Amino acid sequence: MKFAVYTKWYWENGVPTPAELKANMNKAVSGDTTAEDVIWWKIDENHHQSLIIYPSEKIAEEELTKRQVKREKSSADNNRTYAEVIAKAGFLSCLQR
């Protein structure tokens, strides 16, 4: 069963532009994850949220330590604070095309 991790982040100096976020995501995430998808969106001037979709809970948990180290480094490098894990859960249903 697919597994999702939903988080919230605080940016002290405001959420960067979409282009800056994409560059940050490519640097912080791409090529170094088993996630099937990572989605980020802005919720207000100082917060963004993210959804990481994994093939299974087991794989998500195996990647947790690596993800935490990257979050700490990325937070320090980008004046960003990891606010909270909002939810971690298995999928009940998913529309796939």
PDB file of N, CA and C in Angstrom:
ATOM      1  N   MET A   1       0.831  -1.171   0.000  1.00  0.00           N
ATOM      2  CA  MET A   1       0.000   0.000   0.000  1.00  0.00           C
ATOM      3  C   MET A   1       0.884   1.245   0.000  1.00  0.00           C
ATOM      4  N   LYS A   2       0.560   2.219  -0.858  1.00  0.00           N
ATOM      5  CA  LYS A   2       1.309   3.471  -0.899  1.00  0.00           C
ATOM      6  C   LYS A   2       1.176   4.183   0.440  1.00  0.00           C
ATOM      7  N   PHE A   3       2.163   5.018   0.751  1.00  0.00           N
ATOM      8  CA  PHE A   3       2.217   5.693   2.036  1.00  0.00           C
ATOM      9  C   PHE A   3       2.599   7.158   1.808  1.00  0.00           C
ATOM     10  N   ALA A   4       1.929   8.074   2.509  1.00  0.00           N
ATOM     11  CA  ALA A   4       2.175   9.506   2.332  1.00  0.00           C
ATOM     12  C   ALA A   4       2.674  10.143   3.618  1.00  0.00           C
ATOM     13  N   VAL A   5       3.585  11.110   3.473  1.00  0.00           N
ATOM     14  CA  VAL A   5       4.066  11.932   4.581  1.00  0.00           C
ATOM     15  C   VAL A   5       3.758  13.377   4.208  1.00  0.00           C
ATOM     16  N   TYR A   6       2.983  14.052   5.052  1.00  0.00           N
ATOM     17  CA  TYR A   6       2.482  15.399   4.807  1.00  0.00           C
ATOM     18  C   TYR A   6       3.092  16.325   5.855  1.00  0.00           C
ATOM     19  N   THR A   7       3.855  17.337   5.435  1.00  0.00           N
ATOM     20  CA  THR A   7       4.574  18.200   6.368  1.00  0.00           C
ATOM     21  C   THR A   7       4.316  19.678   6.097  1.00  0.00           C
ATOM     22  N   LYS A   8       4.673  20.491   7.071  1.00  0.00           N
ATOM     23  CA  LYS A   8       4.528  21.947   6.978  1.00  0.00           C
ATOM     24  C   LYS A   8       5.868  22.589   7.336  1.00  0.00           C
ATOM     25  N   TRP A   9       6.226  23.654   6.602  1.00  0.00           N
ATOM     26  CA  TRP A   9       7.508  24.350   6.778  1.00  0.00           C
ATOM     27  C   TRP A   9       7.277  25.841   6.964  1.00  0.00           C
ATOM     28  N   TYR A  10       8.141  26.473   7.769  1.00  0.00           N
ATOM     29  CA  TYR A  10       8.098  27.916   7.991  1.00  0.00           C
ATOM     30  C   TYR A  10       9.359  28.551   7.411  1.00  0.00           C
ATOM     31  N   TRP A  11       9.173  29.599   6.595  1.00  0.00           N
ATOM     32  CA  TRP A  11      10.284  30.351   5.994  1.00  0.00           C
ATOM     33  C   TRP A  11      10.329  31.722   6.648  1.00  0.00           C
ATOM     34  N   GLU A  12      11.383  31.987   7.408  1.00  0.00           N
ATOM     35  CA  GLU A  12      11.498  33.241   8.150  1.00  0.00           C
ATOM     36  C   GLU A  12      11.403  34.468   7.241  1.00  0.00           C
ATOM     37  N   ASN A  13      12.039  34.402   6.068  1.00  0.00           N
ATOM     38  CA  ASN A  13      12.058  35.548   5.144  1.00  0.00           C
ATOM     39  C   ASN A  13      11.045  35.420   4.016  1.00  0.00           C
ATOM     40  N   GLY A  14      10.056  34.565   4.195  1.00  0.00           N
ATOM     41  CA  GLY A  14       9.021  34.382   3.171  1.00  0.00           C
ATOM     42  C   GLY A  14       9.336  33.209   2.249  1.00  0.00           C
ATOM     43  N   VAL A  15       8.281  32.573   1.769  1.00  0.00           N
ATOM     44  CA  VAL A  15       8.416  31.441   0.846  1.00  0.00           C
ATOM     45  C   VAL A  15       9.045  31.946  -0.454  1.00  0.00           C
ATOM     46  N   PRO A  16      10.073  31.289  -0.943  1.00  0.00           N
ATOM     47  CA  PRO A  16      10.715  31.704  -2.199  1.00  0.00           C
ATOM     48  C   PRO A  16       9.770  31.590  -3.402  1.00  0.00           C
ATOM     49  N   THR A  17      10.227  32.095  -4.515  1.00  0.00           N
ATOM     50  CA  THR A  17       9.461  32.013  -5.755  1.00  0.00           C
ATOM     51  C   THR A  17       9.353  30.548  -6.191  1.00  0.00           C
ATOM     52  N   PRO A  18       8.396  30.228  -7.061  1.00  0.00           N
ATOM     53  CA  PRO A  18       8.309  28.852  -7.563  1.00  0.00           C
ATOM     54  C   PRO A  18       9.612  28.366  -8.202  1.00  0.00           C
ATOM     55  N   ALA A  19      10.294  29.221  -8.937  1.00  0.00           N
ATOM     56  CA  ALA A  19      11.565  28.814  -9.572  1.00  0.00           C
ATOM     57  C   ALA A  19      12.619  28.477  -8.515  1.00  0.00           C
ATOM     58  N   GLU A  20      12.685  29.284  -7.455  1.00  0.00           N
ATOM     59  CA  GLU A  20      13.652  29.019  -6.386  1.00  0.00           C
ATOM     60  C   GLU A  20      13.299  27.731  -5.639  1.00  0.00           C
ATOM     61  N   LEU A  21      12.002  27.508  -5.399  1.00  0.00           N
ATOM     62  CA  LEU A  21      11.579  26.272  -4.739  1.00  0.00           C
ATOM     63  C   LEU A  21      11.924  25.057  -5.578  1.00  0.00           C
ATOM     64  N   LYS A  22      11.702  25.160  -6.887  1.00  0.00           N
ATOM     65  CA  LYS A  22      12.020  24.030  -7.771  1.00  0.00           C
ATOM     66  C   LYS A  22      13.515  23.723  -7.731  1.00  0.00           C
ATOM     67  N   ALA A  23      14.337  24.753  -7.767  1.00  0.00           N
ATOM     68  CA  ALA A  23      15.791  24.550  -7.693  1.00  0.00           C
ATOM     69  C   ALA A  23      16.165  23.921  -6.353  1.00  0.00           C
ATOM     70  N   ASN A  24      15.526  24.374  -5.286  1.00  0.00           N
ATOM     71  CA  ASN A  24      15.778  23.823  -3.959  1.00  0.00           C
ATOM     72  C   ASN A  24      15.368  22.360  -3.902  1.00  0.00           C
ATOM     73  N   MET A  25      14.210  22.045  -4.476  1.00  0.00           N
ATOM     74  CA  MET A  25      13.738  20.658  -4.490  1.00  0.00           C
ATOM     75  C   MET A  25      14.698  19.774  -5.276  1.00  0.00           C
ATOM     76  N   ASN A  26      15.125  20.237  -6.439  1.00  0.00           N
ATOM     77  CA  ASN A  26      16.053  19.450  -7.253  1.00  0.00           C
ATOM     78  C   ASN A  26      17.347  19.175  -6.504  1.00  0.00           C
ATOM     79  N   LYS A  27      17.820  20.165  -5.752  1.00  0.00           N
ATOM     80  CA  LYS A  27      19.056  20.020  -4.982  1.00  0.00           C
ATOM     81  C   LYS A  27      18.847  19.091  -3.778  1.00  0.00           C
ATOM     82  N   ALA A  28      17.725  19.247  -3.088  1.00  0.00           N
ATOM     83  CA  ALA A  28      17.504  18.535  -1.829  1.00  0.00           C
ATOM     84  C   ALA A  28      16.921  17.139  -2.002  1.00  0.00           C
ATOM     85  N   VAL A  29      16.179  16.906  -3.085  1.00  0.00           N
ATOM     86  CA  VAL A  29      15.402  15.674  -3.184  1.00  0.00           C
ATOM     87  C   VAL A  29      15.784  14.788  -4.362  1.00  0.00           C
ATOM     88  N   SER A  30      15.889  15.365  -5.528  1.00  0.00           N
ATOM     89  CA  SER A  30      16.037  14.577  -6.756  1.00  0.00           C
ATOM     90  C   SER A  30      17.192  13.595  -6.704  1.00  0.00           C
ATOM     91  N   GLY A  31      16.927  12.389  -7.175  1.00  0.00           N
ATOM     92  CA  GLY A  31      17.951  11.373  -7.314  1.00  0.00           C
ATOM     93  C   GLY A  31      18.381  10.701  -6.027  1.00  0.00           C
ATOM     94  N   ASP A  32      17.877  11.185  -4.898  1.00  0.00           N
ATOM     95  CA  ASP A  32      18.323  10.621  -3.629  1.00  0.00           C
ATOM     96  C   ASP A  32      17.137  10.208  -2.761  1.00  0.00           C
ATOM     97  N   THR A  33      16.115   9.680  -3.397  1.00  0.00           N
ATOM     98  CA  THR A  33      14.933   9.249  -2.663  1.00  0.00           C
ATOM     99  C   THR A  33      14.262   8.091  -3.397  1.00  0.00           C
ATOM    100  N   THR A  34      13.555   7.297  -2.651  1.00  0.00           N
ATOM    101  CA  THR A  34      12.748   6.237  -3.262  1.00  0.00           C
ATOM    102  C   THR A  34      11.293   6.674  -3.373  1.00  0.00           C
ATOM    103  N   ALA A  35      11.026   7.940  -3.038  1.00  0.00           N
ATOM    104  CA  ALA A  35       9.666   8.472  -3.151  1.00  0.00           C
ATOM    105  C   ALA A  35       9.202   8.410  -4.605  1.00  0.00           C
ATOM    106  N   GLU A  36       7.916   8.153  -4.770  1.00  0.00           N
ATOM    107  CA  GLU A  36       7.335   8.150  -6.116  1.00  0.00           C
ATOM    108  C   GLU A  36       7.010   9.561  -6.578  1.00  0.00           C
ATOM    109  N   ASP A  37       6.697  10.442  -5.626  1.00  0.00           N
ATOM    110  CA  ASP A  37       6.398  11.825  -5.975  1.00  0.00           C
ATOM    111  C   ASP A  37       6.615  12.699  -4.752  1.00  0.00           C
ATOM    112  N   VAL A  38       6.993  13.945  -4.991  1.00  0.00           N
ATOM    113  CA  VAL A  38       7.143  14.949  -3.947  1.00  0.00           C
ATOM    114  C   VAL A  38       6.462  16.203  -4.478  1.00  0.00           C
ATOM    115  N   ILE A  39       5.504  16.725  -3.708  1.00  0.00           N
ATOM    116  CA  ILE A  39       4.727  17.886  -4.142  1.00  0.00           C
ATOM    117  C   ILE A  39       4.833  18.960  -3.057  1.00  0.00           C
ATOM    118  N   TRP A  40       5.165  20.172  -3.462  1.00  0.00           N
ATOM    119  CA  TRP A  40       5.242  21.304  -2.527  1.00  0.00           C
ATOM    120  C   TRP A  40       4.250  22.361  -2.977  1.00  0.00           C
ATOM    121  N   TRP A  41       3.611  23.074  -2.014  1.00  0.00           N
ATOM    122  CA  TRP A  41       2.737  24.187  -2.354  1.00  0.00           C
ATOM    123  C   TRP A  41       2.793  25.241  -1.250  1.00  0.00           C
ATOM    124  N   LYS A  42       2.547  26.489  -1.661  1.00  0.00           N
ATOM    125  CA  LYS A  42       2.574  27.630  -0.739  1.00  0.00           C
ATOM    126  C   LYS A  42       1.202  27.763  -0.096  1.00  0.00           C
ATOM    127  N   ILE A  43       1.177  27.977   1.244  1.00  0.00           N
ATOM    128  CA  ILE A  43      -0.113  28.186   1.903  1.00  0.00           C
ATOM    129  C   ILE A  43      -0.291  29.622   2.393  1.00  0.00           C
ATOM    130  N   ASP A  44       0.800  30.339   2.637  1.00  0.00           N
ATOM    131  CA  ASP A  44       0.758  31.769   2.935  1.00  0.00           C
ATOM    132  C   ASP A  44       2.162  32.318   2.711  1.00  0.00           C
ATOM    133  N   GLU A  45       2.383  33.564   3.071  1.00  0.00           N
ATOM    134  CA  GLU A  45       3.670  34.205   2.774  1.00  0.00           C
ATOM    135  C   GLU A  45       4.866  33.535   3.439  1.00  0.00           C
ATOM    136  N   ASN A  46       4.665  32.844   4.555  1.00  0.00           N
ATOM    137  CA  ASN A  46       5.790  32.263   5.278  1.00  0.00           C
ATOM    138  C   ASN A  46       5.741  30.749   5.429  1.00  0.00           C
ATOM    139  N   HIS A  47       4.769  30.082   4.824  1.00  0.00           N
ATOM    140  CA  HIS A  47       4.649  28.627   4.986  1.00  0.00           C
ATOM    141  C   HIS A  47       4.437  27.917   3.647  1.00  0.00           C
ATOM    142  N   HIS A  48       5.057  26.747   3.555  1.00  0.00           N
ATOM    143  CA  HIS A  48       4.714  25.851   2.462  1.00  0.00           C
ATOM    144  C   HIS A  48       4.475  24.473   3.074  1.00  0.00           C
ATOM    145  N   GLN A  49       3.758  23.650   2.350  1.00  0.00           N
ATOM    146  CA  GLN A  49       3.509  22.285   2.784  1.00  0.00           C
ATOM    147  C   GLN A  49       4.028  21.344   1.720  1.00  0.00           C
ATOM    148  N   SER A  50       4.259  20.105   2.143  1.00  0.00           N
ATOM    149  CA  SER A  50       4.759  19.119   1.193  1.00  0.00           C
ATOM    150  C   SER A  50       4.063  17.784   1.405  1.00  0.00           C
ATOM    151  N   LEU A  51       3.984  17.053   0.331  1.00  0.00           N
ATOM    152  CA  LEU A  51       3.442  15.700   0.353  1.00  0.00           C
ATOM    153  C   LEU A  51       4.451  14.806  -0.347  1.00  0.00           C
ATOM    154  N   ILE A  52       4.923  13.803   0.368  1.00  0.00           N
ATOM    155  CA  ILE A  52       5.849  12.823  -0.206  1.00  0.00           C
ATOM    156  C   ILE A  52       5.098  11.502  -0.302  1.00  0.00           C
ATOM    157  N   ILE A  53       5.099  10.907  -1.473  1.00  0.00           N
ATOM    158  CA  ILE A  53       4.397   9.643  -1.684  1.00  0.00           C
ATOM    159  C   ILE A  53       5.420   8.534  -1.895  1.00  0.00           C
ATOM    160  N   TYR A  54       5.325   7.524  -1.046  1.00  0.00           N
ATOM    161  CA  TYR A  54       6.229   6.372  -1.097  1.00  0.00           C
ATOM    162  C   TYR A  54       5.465   5.125  -1.559  1.00  0.00           C
ATOM    163  N   PRO A  55       6.192   4.150  -2.092  1.00  0.00           N
ATOM    164  CA  PRO A  55       5.549   2.897  -2.509  1.00  0.00           C
ATOM    165  C   PRO A  55       4.964   2.122  -1.327  1.00  0.00           C
ATOM    166  N   SER A  56       5.525   2.326  -0.115  1.00  0.00           N
ATOM    167  CA  SER A  56       5.029   1.597   1.061  1.00  0.00           C
ATOM    168  C   SER A  56       5.476   2.295   2.342  1.00  0.00           C
ATOM    169  N   GLU A  57       4.838   1.959   3.450  1.00  0.00           N
ATOM    170  CA  GLU A  57       5.234   2.496   4.753  1.00  0.00           C
ATOM    171  C   GLU A  57       6.647   2.039   5.108  1.00  0.00           C
ATOM    172  N   LYS A  58       6.976   0.810   4.797  1.00  0.00           N
ATOM    173  CA  LYS A  58       8.303   0.270   5.097  1.00  0.00           C
ATOM    174  C   LYS A  58       9.396   1.110   4.434  1.00  0.00           C
ATOM    175  N   ILE A  59       9.204   1.431   3.179  1.00  0.00           N
ATOM    176  CA  ILE A  59      10.187   2.231   2.443  1.00  0.00           C
ATOM    177  C   ILE A  59      10.260   3.641   3.021  1.00  0.00           C
ATOM    178  N   ALA A  60       9.122   4.226   3.390  1.00  0.00           N
ATOM    179  CA  ALA A  60       9.109   5.561   4.006  1.00  0.00           C
ATOM    180  C   ALA A  60       9.894   5.558   5.305  1.00  0.00           C
ATOM    181  N   GLU A  61       9.686   4.557   6.124  1.00  0.00           N
ATOM    182  CA  GLU A  61      10.385   4.471   7.400  1.00  0.00           C
ATOM    183  C   GLU A  61      11.881   4.238   7.207  1.00  0.00           C
ATOM    184  N   GLU A  62      12.249   3.429   6.207  1.00  0.00           N
ATOM    185  CA  GLU A  62      13.667   3.189   5.923  1.00  0.00           C
ATOM    186  C   GLU A  62      14.386   4.472   5.511  1.00  0.00           C
ATOM    187  N   GLU A  63      13.670   5.375   4.877  1.00  0.00           N
ATOM    188  CA  GLU A  63      14.263   6.619   4.388  1.00  0.00           C
ATOM    189  C   GLU A  63      14.203   7.743   5.428  1.00  0.00           C
ATOM    190  N   LEU A  64      13.528   7.512   6.554  1.00  0.00           N
ATOM    191  CA  LEU A  64      13.290   8.552   7.550  1.00  0.00           C
ATOM    192  C   LEU A  64      14.577   9.204   8.065  1.00  0.00           C
ATOM    193  N   THR A  65      15.578   8.439   8.464  1.00  0.00           N
ATOM    194  CA  THR A  65      16.814   9.000   9.014  1.00  0.00           C
ATOM    195  C   THR A  65      17.514   9.882   7.986  1.00  0.00           C
ATOM    196  N   LYS A  66      17.612   9.391   6.759  1.00  0.00           N
ATOM    197  CA  LYS A  66      18.244  10.160   5.680  1.00  0.00           C
ATOM    198  C   LYS A  66      17.456  11.460   5.434  1.00  0.00           C
ATOM    199  N   ARG A  67      16.131  11.368   5.455  1.00  0.00           N
ATOM    200  CA  ARG A  67      15.274  12.530   5.233  1.00  0.00           C
ATOM    201  C   ARG A  67      15.479  13.560   6.347  1.00  0.00           C
ATOM    202  N   GLN A  68      15.601  13.116   7.598  1.00  0.00           N
ATOM    203  CA  GLN A  68      15.787  14.030   8.722  1.00  0.00           C
ATOM    204  C   GLN A  68      17.117  14.783   8.608  1.00  0.00           C
ATOM    205  N   VAL A  69      18.184  14.094   8.239  1.00  0.00           N
ATOM    206  CA  VAL A  69      19.492  14.738   8.067  1.00  0.00           C
ATOM    207  C   VAL A  69      19.408  15.795   6.970  1.00  0.00           C
ATOM    208  N   LYS A  70      18.772  15.458   5.855  1.00  0.00           N
ATOM    209  CA  LYS A  70      18.634  16.412   4.749  1.00  0.00           C
ATOM    210  C   LYS A  70      17.793  17.615   5.170  1.00  0.00           C
ATOM    211  N   ARG A  71      16.723  17.373   5.940  1.00  0.00           N
ATOM    212  CA  ARG A  71      15.873  18.469   6.408  1.00  0.00           C
ATOM    213  C   ARG A  71      16.669  19.437   7.283  1.00  0.00           C
ATOM    214  N   GLU A  72      17.488  18.907   8.170  1.00  0.00           N
ATOM    215  CA  GLU A  72      18.284  19.764   9.051  1.00  0.00           C
ATOM    216  C   GLU A  72      19.255  20.616   8.251  1.00  0.00           C
ATOM    217  N   LYS A  73      19.948  20.009   7.292  1.00  0.00           N
ATOM    218  CA  LYS A  73      20.898  20.759   6.462  1.00  0.00           C
ATOM    219  C   LYS A  73      20.186  21.792   5.607  1.00  0.00           C
ATOM    220  N   SER A  74      19.093  21.384   4.966  1.00  0.00           N
ATOM    221  CA  SER A  74      18.336  22.287   4.106  1.00  0.00           C
ATOM    222  C   SER A  74      17.751  23.443   4.914  1.00  0.00           C
ATOM    223  N   SER A  75      17.287  23.158   6.120  1.00  0.00           N
ATOM    224  CA  SER A  75      16.741  24.214   6.980  1.00  0.00           C
ATOM    225  C   SER A  75      17.816  25.244   7.304  1.00  0.00           C
ATOM    226  N   ALA A  76      19.000  24.789   7.680  1.00  0.00           N
ATOM    227  CA  ALA A  76      20.094  25.688   8.010  1.00  0.00           C
ATOM    228  C   ALA A  76      20.534  26.501   6.793  1.00  0.00           C
ATOM    229  N   ASP A  77      20.568  25.867   5.631  1.00  0.00           N
ATOM    230  CA  ASP A  77      21.026  26.530   4.408  1.00  0.00           C
ATOM    231  C   ASP A  77      20.016  27.533   3.857  1.00  0.00           C
ATOM    232  N   ASN A  78      18.738  27.353   4.177  1.00  0.00           N
ATOM    233  CA  ASN A  78      17.688  28.150   3.532  1.00  0.00           C
ATOM    234  C   ASN A  78      16.864  29.011   4.478  1.00  0.00           C
ATOM    235  N   ASN A  79      17.301  29.176   5.722  1.00  0.00           N
ATOM    236  CA  ASN A  79      16.564  29.984   6.687  1.00  0.00           C
ATOM    237  C   ASN A  79      15.103  29.533   6.769  1.00  0.00           C
ATOM    238  N   ARG A  80      14.957  28.216   6.903  1.00  0.00           N
ATOM    239  CA  ARG A  80      13.646  27.586   6.889  1.00  0.00           C
ATOM    240  C   ARG A  80      13.557  26.678   8.109  1.00  0.00           C
ATOM    241  N   THR A  81      12.374  26.582   8.677  1.00  0.00           N
ATOM    242  CA  THR A  81      12.165  25.745   9.849  1.00  0.00           C
ATOM    243  C   THR A  81      11.159  24.652   9.527  1.00  0.00           C
ATOM    244  N   TYR A  82      11.517  23.448   9.889  1.00  0.00           N
ATOM    245  CA  TYR A  82      10.609  22.309   9.748  1.00  0.00           C
ATOM    246  C   TYR A  82       9.564  22.464  10.840  1.00  0.00           C
ATOM    247  N   ALA A  83       8.338  22.760  10.477  1.00  0.00           N
ATOM    248  CA  ALA A  83       7.310  23.080  11.456  1.00  0.00           C
ATOM    249  C   ALA A  83       6.693  21.833  12.073  1.00  0.00           C
ATOM    250  N   GLU A  84       6.241  20.904  11.246  1.00  0.00           N
ATOM    251  CA  GLU A  84       5.572  19.725  11.811  1.00  0.00           C
ATOM    252  C   GLU A  84       5.268  18.682  10.741  1.00  0.00           C
ATOM    253  N   VAL A  85       5.156  17.448  11.205  1.00  0.00           N
ATOM    254  CA  VAL A  85       4.571  16.402  10.371  1.00  0.00           C
ATOM    255  C   VAL A  85       3.080  16.475  10.650  1.00  0.00           C
ATOM    256  N   ILE A  86       2.307  16.746   9.642  1.00  0.00           N
ATOM    257  CA  ILE A  86       0.869  16.865   9.816  1.00  0.00           C
ATOM    258  C   ILE A  86       0.230  15.482   9.840  1.00  0.00           C
ATOM    259  N   ALA A  87       0.703  14.614   8.963  1.00  0.00           N
ATOM    260  CA  ALA A  87       0.124  13.271   8.913  1.00  0.00           C
ATOM    261  C   ALA A  87       1.075  12.307   8.224  1.00  0.00           C
ATOM    262  N   LYS A  88       0.989  11.047   8.616  1.00  0.00           N
ATOM    263  CA  LYS A  88       1.656   9.941   7.930  1.00  0.00           C
ATOM    264  C   LYS A  88       0.603   8.851   7.863  1.00  0.00           C
ATOM    265  N   ALA A  89       0.298   8.391   6.656  1.00  0.00           N
ATOM    266  CA  ALA A  89      -0.775   7.410   6.544  1.00  0.00           C
ATOM    267  C   ALA A  89      -0.688   6.633   5.247  1.00  0.00           C
ATOM    268  N   GLY A  90      -1.275   5.444   5.275  1.00  0.00           N
ATOM    269  CA  GLY A  90      -1.413   4.644   4.065  1.00  0.00           C
ATOM    270  C   GLY A  90      -2.587   5.147   3.243  1.00  0.00           C
ATOM    271  N   PHE A  91      -2.511   4.953   1.961  1.00  0.00           N
ATOM    272  CA  PHE A  91      -3.596   5.369   1.063  1.00  0.00           C
ATOM    273  C   PHE A  91      -4.804   4.465   1.243  1.00  0.00           C
ATOM    274  N   LEU A  92      -5.977   5.055   1.205  1.00  0.00           N
ATOM    275  CA  LEU A  92      -7.210   4.277   1.146  1.00  0.00           C
ATOM    276  C   LEU A  92      -7.621   4.065  -0.310  1.00  0.00           C
ATOM    277  N   SER A  93      -7.395   5.121  -1.114  1.00  0.00           N
ATOM    278  CA  SER A  93      -7.780   5.057  -2.509  1.00  0.00           C
ATOM    279  C   SER A  93      -6.963   6.073  -3.279  1.00  0.00           C
ATOM    280  N   CYS A  94      -6.711   5.814  -4.538  1.00  0.00           N
ATOM    281  CA  CYS A  94      -5.925   6.713  -5.360  1.00  0.00           C
ATOM    282  C   CYS A  94      -6.387   6.600  -6.809  1.00  0.00           C
ATOM    283  N   LEU A  95      -6.760   7.716  -7.413  1.00  0.00           N
ATOM    284  CA  LEU A  95      -7.149   7.717  -8.823  1.00  0.00           C
ATOM    285  C   LEU A  95      -5.880   7.753  -9.666  1.00  0.00           C
ATOM    286  N   GLN A  96      -5.658   6.717 -10.436  1.00  0.00           N
ATOM    287  CA  GLN A  96      -4.496   6.679 -11.302  1.00  0.00           C
ATOM    288  C   GLN A  96      -4.973   6.602 -12.746  1.00  0.00           C
ATOM    289  N   ARG A  97      -4.357   7.407 -13.569  1.00  0.00           N
ATOM    290  CA  ARG A  97      -4.756   7.459 -14.990  1.00  0.00           C
ATOM    291  C   ARG A  97      -3.716   6.818 -15.844  1.00  0.00           C
TER     292      ARG A  97
END
